[in-house]
Amino acid sequence: MKVTVAQLNYHIGNFSGNLQKMLEAVETAKAQGADIVCFAELATCGYPPRDFLEFDDFIELAEESIAELAKAAQGIAIVVGSPCKNPVIEGKDLFNAVYFLADGEVKHRQHKALLPTYDIFDEYRYFEPASEFKVVEYKGHRIALTVCEDLWNLGNENPMYTICPMDEMMPQKPDLMINVSASPFSHQQAHERLKVLKANVEAYELPLFYINQSGAQTEVIFDGGSVVMSPDGKVFEELPYFEECIRTYELEAVKTGGSQSLQPKDKIALIHDAIILGIRDYFGKLGFNKAILGLSGGIDSAVTAVLAARALGEDNVRCLLMPSQFSSDHSVNDARELAQNLGVQFDILPIQSIYDSFRDTLEPHFWGTEFNIAEENIQARIRGIFNMAFSNKFGNIVLNTSNKSEMAVGYGTLYGDLCGGLSVIGDVYKTDVFRLARYINKEAEIIPENTIVKPPSAELRPDQKDSDSLPEYDVLDEVLYQYIELRKSPQDLIEQGFDEVLVRRILRLVNINEFKRYQTAPVLRVSPKAFGMGRRMPIVGKYLS
């Protein structure tokens, strides 16, 4: 028997587009001699559909897609994820299901049992968990169908769940496992995913076809990396990351096993490729074409500009150089050189005269006060106005260039440098932004060396450096990582050797700046804990304040 893994890029709510893509993949699988073709979790509607699931029409459109796919299931079986209605009044209205379609009809449905409700996941809001577990028989093989998280409670070791779906199906003596999934990217996820899949295969001694999707849905990025595993626990093949791919496998060859075929997992390379996909899909799926950003000569805007140009093409990226009297000649020259290296359009709009006009107007009201953050932020907001003016006039979507370190501690100006339609590196700590710059320059100097080696500065007052206001980034980022990703307490950090005053200062800055993050653009998620839908903190909380 031959099984096709169809790793595709879906679009939430685009039923006709998703259906057409799957029907084309069915024909490809038939041409490759496949007996079964497999698609991802909730492939008909796209993942995560969130509150679209509360619309009856949305569910009906998903059902219509299943009906069309069933018609195509002639001479080949189709495994596909889709929401389905719960006929029982008690409980949630829907199941998250995997369908088995063959001979022109629905042969079997297996509902998802383990419904994740953490980080970006909120499935128990919508779905009822499965209570029945049955294998499906096809062409002399007994197949155990599961949906994503259903493989993440091997041996009932996950305290969030009380059941292990594969344990329930093993008495029915399945011959292989098929898991349809929507597993979001983080720079750690590929390692963790393979670890979990390997443990399942070794426990049940069955071949596994694990189908993930590729593509980005607003801030959530799916890396693909679908996996075929042999019963001995070795990876028969791991499919490419960040791209669509359709491959067919002979089941007997998978059972026999062979040398492992794995994808590279360098952290910075993965983040680089993930962000490019995130930008490309955000623009493509919303029908946007062109981006604009402020290019300051600093490393954050430089890295953002490169990633945008690689995602959209240099003809679709425009940069505004907006120097003030505090901008160094080096910064302006570095920004110009980068724009020329990339081949993107750039415009120079000095802001000093506009800034002076603001100060003159405010002088009677600010009389007797010292120059401080108010005057600094005026500059940032002038630049924000210029970016938005070009956006409104020419249709370019503004890209936010703030990094995760700055967003964490509030080192940014609302309605100024924090404006934008998409936050490109808002989940990348400053220390990793530097690593991204080095990765970008690995074959040729694209980002000017001076941009990388000069001390970071917002250049909003004379001789300003980030270190005037913030701890050194290597220390700051480690504290932030421990608090945000690992949820360590102040005492935990102090016991690790961090200075107590520093720890409490940093953590207080994180918490009191929640109001800023609520008002910023969606952040492309590349870490296990990004700002946005996966981190839900109260604005007015007292904790650590």
Protein backbone atom coordinates (compact mmCIF):
# COMPACT_ATOMS: atom_id res chain seq x y z
CA MET A 1 0.00 0.00 0.00
CA LYS A 2 1.19 3.51 -0.85
CA VAL A 3 0.48 6.52 1.36
CA THR A 4 0.84 10.14 0.23
CA VAL A 5 1.68 12.91 2.68
CA ALA A 6 0.28 16.21 1.39
CA GLN A 7 1.93 19.05 3.33
CA LEU A 8 0.00 22.11 2.18
CA ASN A 9 -0.45 25.79 3.04
CA TYR A 10 -4.09 26.49 3.92
CA HIS A 11 -5.95 29.79 4.29
CA ILE A 12 -8.43 30.21 7.14
CA GLY A 13 -11.98 30.46 5.80
CA ASN A 14 -10.90 30.12 2.16
CA PHE A 15 -12.93 26.96 1.57
CA SER A 16 -12.82 27.08 -2.21
CA GLY A 17 -9.07 27.72 -2.26
CA ASN A 18 -8.32 25.01 0.29
CA LEU A 19 -10.58 22.54 -1.50
CA GLN A 20 -9.02 23.22 -4.89
CA LYS A 21 -5.55 22.77 -3.45
CA MET A 22 -6.52 19.42 -1.92
CA LEU A 23 -8.26 18.19 -5.07
CA GLU A 24 -5.11 18.94 -7.06
CA ALA A 25 -3.07 17.04 -4.47
CA VAL A 26 -5.46 14.08 -4.81
CA GLU A 27 -4.73 13.96 -8.53
CA THR A 28 -1.00 14.18 -7.85
CA ALA A 29 -1.27 11.31 -5.36
CA LYS A 30 -3.22 9.22 -7.87
CA ALA A 31 -0.53 9.85 -10.48
CA GLN A 32 2.05 8.61 -7.96
CA GLY A 33 0.06 5.40 -7.47
CA ALA A 34 -1.11 6.21 -3.95
CA ASP A 35 -3.84 4.28 -2.14
CA ILE A 36 -4.31 6.95 0.55
CA VAL A 37 -3.61 10.69 0.53
CA CYS A 38 -3.44 12.53 3.84
CA PHE A 39 -4.07 16.19 4.67
CA ALA A 40 -3.66 18.21 7.87
CA GLU A 41 -5.84 19.01 10.88
CA LEU A 42 -8.86 21.22 10.04
CA ALA A 43 -7.56 21.41 6.48
CA THR A 44 -10.97 22.29 5.02
CA CYS A 45 -11.25 25.54 6.98
CA GLY A 46 -7.66 26.28 8.01
CA TYR A 47 -6.17 26.37 11.50
CA PRO A 48 -6.80 28.09 13.90
CA PRO A 49 -10.29 29.20 12.82
CA ARG A 50 -11.05 30.58 16.29
CA ASP A 51 -14.51 32.17 16.61
CA PHE A 52 -15.37 31.52 12.96
CA LEU A 53 -16.34 28.12 14.39
CA GLU A 54 -19.33 29.78 16.07
CA PHE A 55 -20.92 30.59 12.68
CA ASP A 56 -23.29 27.90 11.38
CA ASP A 57 -22.50 28.93 7.81
CA PHE A 58 -18.78 28.34 8.41
CA ILE A 59 -19.44 24.76 9.54
CA GLU A 60 -21.79 24.15 6.61
CA LEU A 61 -19.08 25.27 4.19
CA ALA A 62 -16.68 22.81 5.85
CA GLU A 63 -19.25 20.04 5.42
CA GLU A 64 -19.64 20.95 1.75
CA SER A 65 -15.87 20.63 1.32
CA ILE A 66 -15.98 17.17 2.86
CA ALA A 67 -18.76 16.21 0.46
CA GLU A 68 -16.70 17.37 -2.53
CA LEU A 69 -13.63 15.52 -1.30
CA ALA A 70 -15.70 12.39 -0.79
CA LYS A 71 -16.72 12.56 -4.46
CA ALA A 72 -13.01 12.66 -5.37
CA ALA A 73 -12.28 9.62 -3.20
CA GLN A 74 -12.64 7.15 -6.08
CA GLY A 75 -9.78 4.71 -6.45
CA ILE A 76 -8.03 6.43 -3.58
CA ALA A 77 -8.83 7.10 0.09
CA ILE A 78 -8.60 10.60 1.57
CA VAL A 79 -7.68 11.38 5.17
CA VAL A 80 -8.53 14.98 6.08
CA GLY A 81 -9.19 17.13 9.13
CA SER A 82 -12.40 19.15 9.44
CA PRO A 83 -14.84 20.34 12.11
CA CYS A 84 -18.00 18.27 12.44
CA LYS A 85 -21.23 18.76 14.37
CA ASN A 86 -21.90 17.04 17.67
CA PRO A 87 -25.38 15.43 17.40
CA VAL A 88 -25.69 15.23 21.18
CA ILE A 89 -27.24 18.29 22.85
CA GLU A 90 -25.05 18.01 25.93
CA GLY A 91 -21.49 19.22 25.50
CA LYS A 92 -19.88 21.44 22.91
CA ASP A 93 -21.50 21.80 19.50
CA LEU A 94 -18.51 20.56 17.50
CA PHE A 95 -15.82 17.93 17.26
CA ASN A 96 -12.37 18.42 15.80
CA ALA A 97 -12.40 15.41 13.51
CA VAL A 98 -10.31 13.46 11.04
CA TYR A 99 -12.36 11.98 8.19
CA PHE A 100 -11.60 8.83 6.22
CA LEU A 101 -13.19 9.10 2.77
CA ALA A 102 -13.29 6.25 0.24
CA ASP A 103 -15.52 4.92 -2.54
CA GLY A 104 -17.24 8.28 -2.82
CA GLU A 105 -18.41 8.49 0.80
CA VAL A 106 -17.47 9.08 4.43
CA LYS A 107 -16.28 5.74 5.75
CA HIS A 108 -15.15 6.82 9.20
CA ARG A 109 -14.74 9.78 11.52
CA GLN A 110 -12.39 9.89 14.48
CA HIS A 111 -12.79 12.82 16.86
CA LYS A 112 -9.90 14.49 18.62
CA ALA A 113 -9.69 13.56 22.28
CA LEU A 114 -6.95 15.77 23.69
CA LEU A 115 -7.94 19.41 23.26
CA PRO A 116 -5.05 21.77 24.04
CA THR A 117 -5.94 24.87 26.03
CA TYR A 118 -2.65 26.65 26.57
CA ASP A 119 -0.46 29.21 24.82
CA ILE A 120 -2.05 29.93 21.41
CA PHE A 121 -4.43 26.97 21.71
CA ASP A 122 -8.02 27.32 22.91
CA GLU A 123 -9.70 24.22 21.52
CA TYR A 124 -11.88 23.36 24.50
CA ARG A 125 -13.65 26.66 23.86
CA TYR A 126 -15.15 25.08 20.74
CA PHE A 127 -14.81 21.30 20.70
CA GLU A 128 -16.12 18.31 22.60
CA PRO A 129 -13.46 15.64 23.28
CA ALA A 130 -13.78 12.19 21.76
CA SER A 131 -15.26 9.38 23.81
CA GLU A 132 -14.99 6.55 21.26
CA PHE A 133 -11.90 5.21 19.53
CA LYS A 134 -12.06 2.88 16.55
CA VAL A 135 -9.57 1.92 13.87
CA VAL A 136 -10.60 1.97 10.21
CA GLU A 137 -9.93 -0.93 7.85
CA TYR A 138 -8.83 -0.27 4.28
CA LYS A 139 -7.30 -2.63 1.72
CA GLY A 140 -6.41 -5.18 4.35
CA HIS A 141 -4.81 -2.71 6.75
CA ARG A 142 -6.11 -1.48 10.10
CA ILE A 143 -5.39 2.22 10.54
CA ALA A 144 -5.35 4.20 13.80
CA LEU A 145 -6.34 7.81 13.05
CA THR A 146 -5.45 10.54 15.51
CA VAL A 147 -5.44 14.33 15.51
CA CYS A 148 -2.33 16.29 16.53
CA GLU A 149 -2.31 16.48 20.35
CA ASP A 150 -3.72 12.96 20.60
CA LEU A 151 -0.15 11.64 20.41
CA TRP A 152 1.08 13.94 23.19
CA ASN A 153 -0.03 11.87 26.19
CA LEU A 154 1.94 8.68 25.79
CA GLY A 155 1.65 6.57 28.90
CA ASN A 156 -0.71 9.13 30.42
CA GLU A 157 2.32 11.21 31.40
CA ASN A 158 0.74 14.57 30.50
CA PRO A 159 -1.13 15.80 33.60
CA MET A 160 -3.51 17.89 31.45
CA TYR A 161 -5.19 14.75 30.10
CA THR A 162 -6.74 11.60 31.50
CA ILE A 163 -6.76 9.39 28.41
CA CYS A 164 -4.33 8.20 25.73
CA PRO A 165 -6.13 7.63 22.40
CA MET A 166 -3.57 5.19 21.02
CA ASP A 167 -3.84 3.05 24.16
CA GLU A 168 -7.58 2.87 23.52
CA MET A 169 -7.04 1.68 19.92
CA MET A 170 -4.18 -0.78 20.44
CA PRO A 171 -6.50 -3.70 21.45
CA GLN A 172 -7.96 -3.39 17.92
CA LYS A 173 -4.50 -4.29 16.56
CA PRO A 174 -3.78 -1.42 14.14
CA ASP A 175 -1.11 -1.88 11.48
CA LEU A 176 -0.13 1.81 11.15
CA MET A 177 -0.79 5.24 12.63
CA ILE A 178 -1.84 8.36 10.73
CA ASN A 179 -1.81 11.64 12.62
CA VAL A 180 -3.18 14.82 11.06
CA SER A 181 -1.74 17.88 12.72
CA ALA A 182 -1.50 21.65 12.95
CA SER A 183 1.71 22.03 14.90
CA PRO A 184 2.87 25.66 15.11
CA PHE A 185 6.48 26.63 14.66
CA SER A 186 8.82 27.73 17.39
CA HIS A 187 12.59 27.44 17.21
CA GLN A 188 12.35 24.56 19.73
CA GLN A 189 9.31 22.74 18.34
CA ALA A 190 10.97 20.56 15.72
CA HIS A 191 13.17 18.86 18.33
CA GLU A 192 10.26 18.37 20.73
CA ARG A 193 7.96 17.09 17.99
CA LEU A 194 10.40 14.42 16.85
CA LYS A 195 10.97 13.36 20.45
CA VAL A 196 7.24 12.82 21.00
CA LEU A 197 6.70 11.01 17.70
CA LYS A 198 9.70 8.75 18.27
CA ALA A 199 8.38 7.81 21.72
CA ASN A 200 5.00 6.83 20.24
CA VAL A 201 6.50 4.74 17.48
CA GLU A 202 8.81 2.94 19.88
CA ALA A 203 5.96 2.30 22.31
CA TYR A 204 3.51 0.89 19.76
CA GLU A 205 6.02 -0.50 17.23
CA LEU A 206 3.95 0.81 14.34
CA PRO A 207 4.88 2.94 11.34
CA LEU A 208 3.65 6.54 11.58
CA PHE A 209 2.58 9.06 8.97
CA TYR A 210 2.47 12.49 10.62
CA ILE A 211 1.01 15.24 8.43
CA ASN A 212 1.63 18.86 9.40
CA GLN A 213 0.79 21.99 7.45
CA SER A 214 3.08 24.75 6.23
CA GLY A 215 2.25 28.44 6.08
CA ALA A 216 1.38 31.36 8.33
CA GLN A 217 -1.97 32.44 9.73
CA THR A 218 -1.47 36.03 10.95
CA GLU A 219 1.08 35.62 13.77
CA VAL A 220 1.08 31.80 13.92
CA ILE A 221 3.56 30.09 11.61
CA PHE A 222 3.45 26.41 10.65
CA ASP A 223 6.75 24.94 9.56
CA GLY A 224 5.62 21.74 7.91
CA GLY A 225 8.27 19.17 8.71
CA SER A 226 5.80 16.30 8.28
CA VAL A 227 7.32 13.00 9.35
CA VAL A 228 7.25 9.40 8.21
CA MET A 229 8.64 7.04 10.86
CA SER A 230 9.54 3.37 10.75
CA PRO A 231 8.46 0.97 13.53
CA ASP A 232 12.01 0.92 14.91
CA GLY A 233 11.64 4.57 15.94
CA LYS A 234 13.82 6.00 13.19
CA VAL A 235 12.76 8.85 10.94
CA PHE A 236 12.22 7.42 7.47
CA GLU A 237 11.87 10.96 6.14
CA GLU A 238 11.22 14.42 7.54
CA LEU A 239 9.71 16.71 4.92
CA PRO A 240 11.10 20.21 4.22
CA TYR A 241 10.31 23.16 6.44
CA PHE A 242 8.33 26.24 5.37
CA GLU A 243 7.17 24.92 2.02
CA GLU A 244 4.45 22.80 0.47
CA CYS A 245 5.41 19.24 -0.39
CA ILE A 246 3.63 16.12 -1.65
CA ARG A 247 5.43 12.79 -1.31
CA THR A 248 4.30 9.19 -1.62
CA TYR A 249 5.68 6.26 0.38
CA GLU A 250 5.44 2.50 0.01
CA LEU A 251 4.24 1.21 3.40
CA GLU A 252 6.39 -1.92 3.26
CA ALA A 253 9.51 0.20 2.66
CA VAL A 254 8.62 2.35 5.66
CA LYS A 255 8.15 -0.76 7.80
CA THR A 256 11.57 -2.02 6.74
CA GLY A 257 13.18 1.28 7.64
CA GLY A 258 16.53 2.62 6.58
CA SER A 259 18.82 5.60 7.03
CA GLN A 260 17.28 8.63 8.69
CA SER A 261 16.47 11.69 6.56
CA LEU A 262 16.27 14.78 8.77
CA GLN A 263 16.04 18.52 8.14
CA PRO A 264 18.68 20.93 9.56
CA LYS A 265 17.59 22.61 12.80
CA ASP A 266 19.87 25.60 13.32
CA LYS A 267 17.94 28.05 15.50
CA ILE A 268 18.81 31.26 13.68
CA ALA A 269 18.31 29.75 10.23
CA LEU A 270 14.89 28.50 11.29
CA ILE A 271 13.89 31.91 12.68
CA HIS A 272 15.10 33.58 9.48
CA ASP A 273 13.06 31.27 7.25
CA ALA A 274 10.00 31.36 9.52
CA ILE A 275 9.82 35.15 9.52
CA ILE A 276 10.13 35.30 5.75
CA LEU A 277 7.22 32.88 5.42
CA GLY A 278 5.27 34.85 8.04
CA ILE A 279 5.67 38.12 6.14
CA ARG A 280 4.90 36.54 2.78
CA ASP A 281 1.70 34.86 3.94
CA TYR A 282 0.49 37.85 5.97
CA PHE A 283 0.68 40.00 2.86
CA GLY A 284 -0.45 37.34 0.40
CA LYS A 285 -3.45 36.10 2.36
CA LEU A 286 -4.67 39.64 3.09
CA GLY A 287 -4.17 40.75 -0.51
CA PHE A 288 -1.39 43.22 0.26
CA ASN A 289 1.65 43.67 -1.98
CA LYS A 290 3.96 46.38 -0.67
CA ALA A 291 5.62 47.15 2.64
CA ILE A 292 7.17 50.29 4.09
CA LEU A 293 9.34 50.80 7.14
CA GLY A 294 11.52 53.38 8.78
CA LEU A 295 15.20 52.62 8.20
CA SER A 296 17.25 54.22 10.94
CA GLY A 297 20.71 52.78 10.41
CA GLY A 298 20.17 50.57 13.47
CA ILE A 299 20.27 46.81 13.50
CA ASP A 300 16.55 46.18 14.11
CA SER A 301 15.29 48.09 11.08
CA ALA A 302 18.16 46.69 9.00
CA VAL A 303 17.26 43.08 9.75
CA THR A 304 13.56 43.82 9.21
CA ALA A 305 14.28 45.42 5.84
CA VAL A 306 16.30 42.41 4.66
CA LEU A 307 13.63 39.93 5.76
CA ALA A 308 10.91 41.99 4.09
CA ALA A 309 12.85 42.23 0.83
CA ARG A 310 13.47 38.48 0.83
CA ALA A 311 9.80 37.78 1.54
CA LEU A 312 8.19 40.25 -0.85
CA GLY A 313 10.90 41.14 -3.36
CA GLU A 314 12.92 44.34 -3.42
CA ASP A 315 10.43 46.08 -5.72
CA ASN A 316 7.74 45.73 -3.05
CA VAL A 317 9.67 47.26 -0.13
CA ARG A 318 10.14 50.97 0.47
CA CYS A 319 12.24 52.51 3.24
CA LEU A 320 12.03 55.95 4.79
CA LEU A 321 15.20 57.48 6.21
CA MET A 322 14.07 60.13 8.68
CA PRO A 323 17.12 61.68 10.34
CA SER A 324 16.88 64.27 13.11
CA GLN A 325 19.57 66.52 14.55
CA PHE A 326 20.46 63.63 16.86
CA SER A 327 21.04 61.12 14.07
CA SER A 328 24.69 60.39 13.40
CA ASP A 329 26.14 60.64 9.90
CA HIS A 330 27.08 56.98 10.26
CA SER A 331 23.44 55.99 10.79
CA VAL A 332 22.20 57.83 7.72
CA ASN A 333 25.03 56.45 5.60
CA ASP A 334 24.50 52.92 6.92
CA ALA A 335 20.77 53.09 6.16
CA ARG A 336 21.44 54.40 2.65
CA GLU A 337 24.05 51.71 2.00
CA LEU A 338 21.72 48.94 3.15
CA ALA A 339 18.88 50.20 0.95
CA GLN A 340 21.25 50.28 -2.02
CA ASN A 341 22.56 46.78 -1.22
CA LEU A 342 18.99 45.48 -1.18
CA GLY A 343 17.90 47.41 -4.25
CA VAL A 344 14.84 48.80 -2.45
CA GLN A 345 13.36 52.24 -2.96
CA PHE A 346 14.29 54.71 -0.23
CA ASP A 347 13.41 58.30 0.55
CA ILE A 348 15.18 60.72 2.89
CA LEU A 349 12.82 62.90 4.93
CA PRO A 350 14.67 65.00 7.53
CA ILE A 351 12.45 65.68 10.53
CA GLN A 352 14.38 68.44 12.34
CA SER A 353 12.28 71.34 11.04
CA ILE A 354 9.04 69.52 11.90
CA TYR A 355 10.38 68.63 15.32
CA ASP A 356 11.40 72.26 15.92
CA SER A 357 7.90 73.35 14.96
CA PHE A 358 6.42 70.99 17.53
CA ARG A 359 8.81 72.29 20.20
CA ASP A 360 8.04 75.90 19.38
CA THR A 361 4.32 75.24 19.68
CA LEU A 362 4.74 73.39 22.95
CA GLU A 363 7.33 75.77 24.45
CA PRO A 364 4.83 77.98 26.33
CA HIS A 365 3.22 74.88 27.82
CA PHE A 366 6.51 73.08 28.59
CA TRP A 367 8.22 76.24 29.92
CA GLY A 368 10.45 75.59 32.90
CA THR A 369 10.74 71.82 32.33
CA GLU A 370 13.75 69.78 31.30
CA PHE A 371 14.15 67.95 27.97
CA ASN A 372 12.95 64.40 28.62
CA ILE A 373 10.99 61.51 27.16
CA ALA A 374 8.26 63.86 25.91
CA GLU A 375 10.62 65.51 23.44
CA GLU A 376 12.16 62.16 22.54
CA ASN A 377 8.79 60.63 21.74
CA ILE A 378 7.77 63.54 19.54
CA GLN A 379 10.52 62.49 17.15
CA ALA A 380 9.35 58.88 17.12
CA ARG A 381 5.77 59.98 16.49
CA ILE A 382 6.76 62.26 13.61
CA ARG A 383 8.38 59.24 12.00
CA GLY A 384 5.26 57.19 12.67
CA ILE A 385 3.14 59.85 10.95
CA PHE A 386 5.41 59.80 7.90
CA ASN A 387 5.22 56.01 7.68
CA MET A 388 1.44 56.05 7.97
CA ALA A 389 1.11 58.89 5.45
CA PHE A 390 3.02 56.88 2.84
CA SER A 391 0.92 53.84 3.78
CA ASN A 392 -2.33 55.71 3.22
CA LYS A 393 -1.16 57.39 0.02
CA PHE A 394 0.49 54.44 -1.71
CA GLY A 395 -1.00 51.39 0.01
CA ASN A 396 2.24 50.16 1.59
CA ILE A 397 1.69 48.28 4.86
CA VAL A 398 3.91 49.58 7.66
CA LEU A 399 6.23 47.01 9.22
CA ASN A 400 7.04 47.39 12.90
CA THR A 401 10.76 46.96 13.61
CA SER A 402 10.79 46.60 17.43
CA ASN A 403 12.51 43.55 18.87
CA LYS A 404 11.26 41.39 21.76
CA SER A 405 13.64 42.89 24.31
CA GLU A 406 12.32 46.39 23.64
CA MET A 407 8.68 45.29 23.56
CA ALA A 408 9.15 43.45 26.83
CA VAL A 409 10.35 46.45 28.83
CA GLY A 410 8.37 49.13 26.99
CA TYR A 411 11.37 50.67 25.23
CA GLY A 412 9.29 51.99 22.37
CA THR A 413 6.84 54.79 21.59
CA LEU A 414 3.16 54.15 21.08
CA TYR A 415 1.93 55.73 17.83
CA GLY A 416 5.58 56.18 16.92
CA ASP A 417 8.08 53.38 16.37
CA LEU A 418 5.54 50.86 17.70
CA CYS A 419 3.07 51.55 14.90
CA GLY A 420 2.60 49.15 12.01
CA GLY A 421 0.46 46.39 10.54
CA LEU A 422 2.84 43.56 11.42
CA SER A 423 5.59 43.16 14.01
CA VAL A 424 8.35 41.33 12.18
CA ILE A 425 10.95 40.72 14.91
CA GLY A 426 8.81 41.33 17.99
CA ASP A 427 9.48 37.74 19.12
CA VAL A 428 13.24 37.94 18.58
CA TYR A 429 15.43 39.04 21.49
CA LYS A 430 18.05 41.68 20.73
CA THR A 431 20.93 39.24 21.11
CA ASP A 432 19.31 37.03 18.46
CA VAL A 433 18.73 40.04 16.21
CA PHE A 434 22.52 40.42 16.11
CA ARG A 435 22.82 36.71 15.28
CA LEU A 436 20.27 37.13 12.51
CA ALA A 437 22.35 39.98 11.08
CA ARG A 438 25.45 37.77 11.05
CA TYR A 439 23.46 34.98 9.42
CA ILE A 440 22.21 37.38 6.74
CA ASN A 441 25.81 38.44 6.08
CA LYS A 442 27.21 34.91 6.03
CA GLU A 443 28.02 34.99 2.31
CA ALA A 444 28.28 38.74 1.61
CA GLU A 445 28.02 42.00 3.52
CA ILE A 446 24.42 43.07 3.04
CA ILE A 447 23.93 44.80 6.38
CA PRO A 448 26.80 47.28 6.81
CA GLU A 449 29.30 46.09 9.39
CA ASN A 450 29.04 49.38 11.25
CA THR A 451 25.34 48.75 11.85
CA ILE A 452 26.21 45.50 13.59
CA VAL A 453 29.16 46.62 15.71
CA LYS A 454 28.08 50.10 16.86
CA PRO A 455 26.41 50.42 20.29
CA PRO A 456 22.60 50.28 19.91
CA SER A 457 20.90 53.66 20.22
CA ALA A 458 17.46 55.18 19.64
CA GLU A 459 19.23 58.46 18.74
CA LEU A 460 16.55 60.63 20.32
CA ARG A 461 18.96 62.79 22.33
CA PRO A 462 22.67 63.63 22.11
CA ASP A 463 25.04 60.66 22.44
CA GLN A 464 22.22 58.35 23.54
CA LYS A 465 22.82 54.62 23.98
CA ASP A 466 20.35 51.89 24.87
CA SER A 467 22.59 50.99 27.81
CA ASP A 468 21.78 54.41 29.35
CA SER A 469 18.26 53.14 30.03
CA LEU A 470 18.54 49.36 29.90
CA PRO A 471 20.88 46.66 31.22
CA GLU A 472 23.30 45.17 28.71
CA TYR A 473 21.30 43.03 26.32
CA ASP A 474 23.01 39.74 27.12
CA VAL A 475 21.90 40.11 30.76
CA LEU A 476 18.51 41.63 29.97
CA ASP A 477 17.62 38.93 27.45
CA GLU A 478 18.49 36.09 29.80
CA VAL A 479 16.31 37.54 32.56
CA LEU A 480 13.47 38.13 30.10
CA TYR A 481 13.76 34.60 28.72
CA GLN A 482 13.63 33.10 32.20
CA TYR A 483 10.57 35.18 33.12
CA ILE A 484 8.59 35.14 29.85
CA GLU A 485 9.35 31.74 28.34
CA LEU A 486 10.12 29.76 31.51
CA ARG A 487 7.81 31.69 33.90
CA LYS A 488 10.45 31.92 36.62
CA SER A 489 9.69 33.99 39.71
CA PRO A 490 11.89 36.84 41.00
CA GLN A 491 13.20 34.53 43.71
CA ASP A 492 14.08 31.86 41.15
CA LEU A 493 16.14 34.41 39.21
CA ILE A 494 17.85 35.78 42.30
CA GLU A 495 18.81 32.24 43.32
CA GLN A 496 20.34 31.79 39.86
CA GLY A 497 22.72 34.64 40.68
CA PHE A 498 21.04 37.65 39.09
CA ASP A 499 21.16 40.88 41.06
CA GLU A 500 17.94 41.34 43.03
CA VAL A 501 17.53 45.04 42.27
CA LEU A 502 18.09 44.39 38.57
CA VAL A 503 15.63 41.48 38.50
CA ARG A 504 12.84 43.42 40.18
CA ARG A 505 13.43 46.42 37.94
CA ILE A 506 13.28 44.36 34.75
CA LEU A 507 10.21 42.36 35.78
CA ARG A 508 8.39 45.51 36.85
CA LEU A 509 9.09 47.07 33.45
CA VAL A 510 7.66 43.99 31.72
CA ASN A 511 4.45 44.09 33.72
CA ILE A 512 3.73 47.83 33.68
CA ASN A 513 4.15 47.97 29.89
CA GLU A 514 1.47 45.43 29.11
CA PHE A 515 -0.78 48.28 27.96
CA LYS A 516 1.65 49.08 25.15
CA ARG A 517 1.75 45.51 23.88
CA TYR A 518 -2.07 45.41 23.77
CA GLN A 519 -1.94 48.23 21.23
CA THR A 520 0.81 46.98 18.94
CA ALA A 521 0.69 44.97 15.73
CA PRO A 522 0.46 41.16 15.59
CA VAL A 523 3.85 39.64 16.39
CA LEU A 524 5.20 36.82 14.22
CA ARG A 525 5.61 33.93 16.66
CA VAL A 526 8.99 32.17 16.54
CA SER A 527 9.49 31.28 20.23
CA PRO A 528 7.54 29.03 22.61
CA LYS A 529 6.04 32.14 24.29
CA ALA A 530 5.45 35.19 22.12
CA PHE A 531 3.64 38.39 22.93
CA GLY A 532 0.12 38.21 21.55
CA MET A 533 -2.58 35.54 21.55
CA GLY A 534 -0.41 33.03 23.42
CA ARG A 535 0.42 35.30 26.39
CA ARG A 536 -2.62 36.71 28.12
CA MET A 537 -1.73 39.09 30.93
CA PRO A 538 -3.91 41.65 32.70
CA ILE A 539 -3.02 45.28 32.14
CA VAL A 540 -3.89 46.41 35.66
CA GLY A 541 -2.44 43.44 37.56
CA LYS A 542 -0.52 44.10 40.77
CA TYR A 543 1.91 41.13 40.53
CA LEU A 544 5.53 42.33 40.91
CA SER A 545 4.55 45.98 40.38
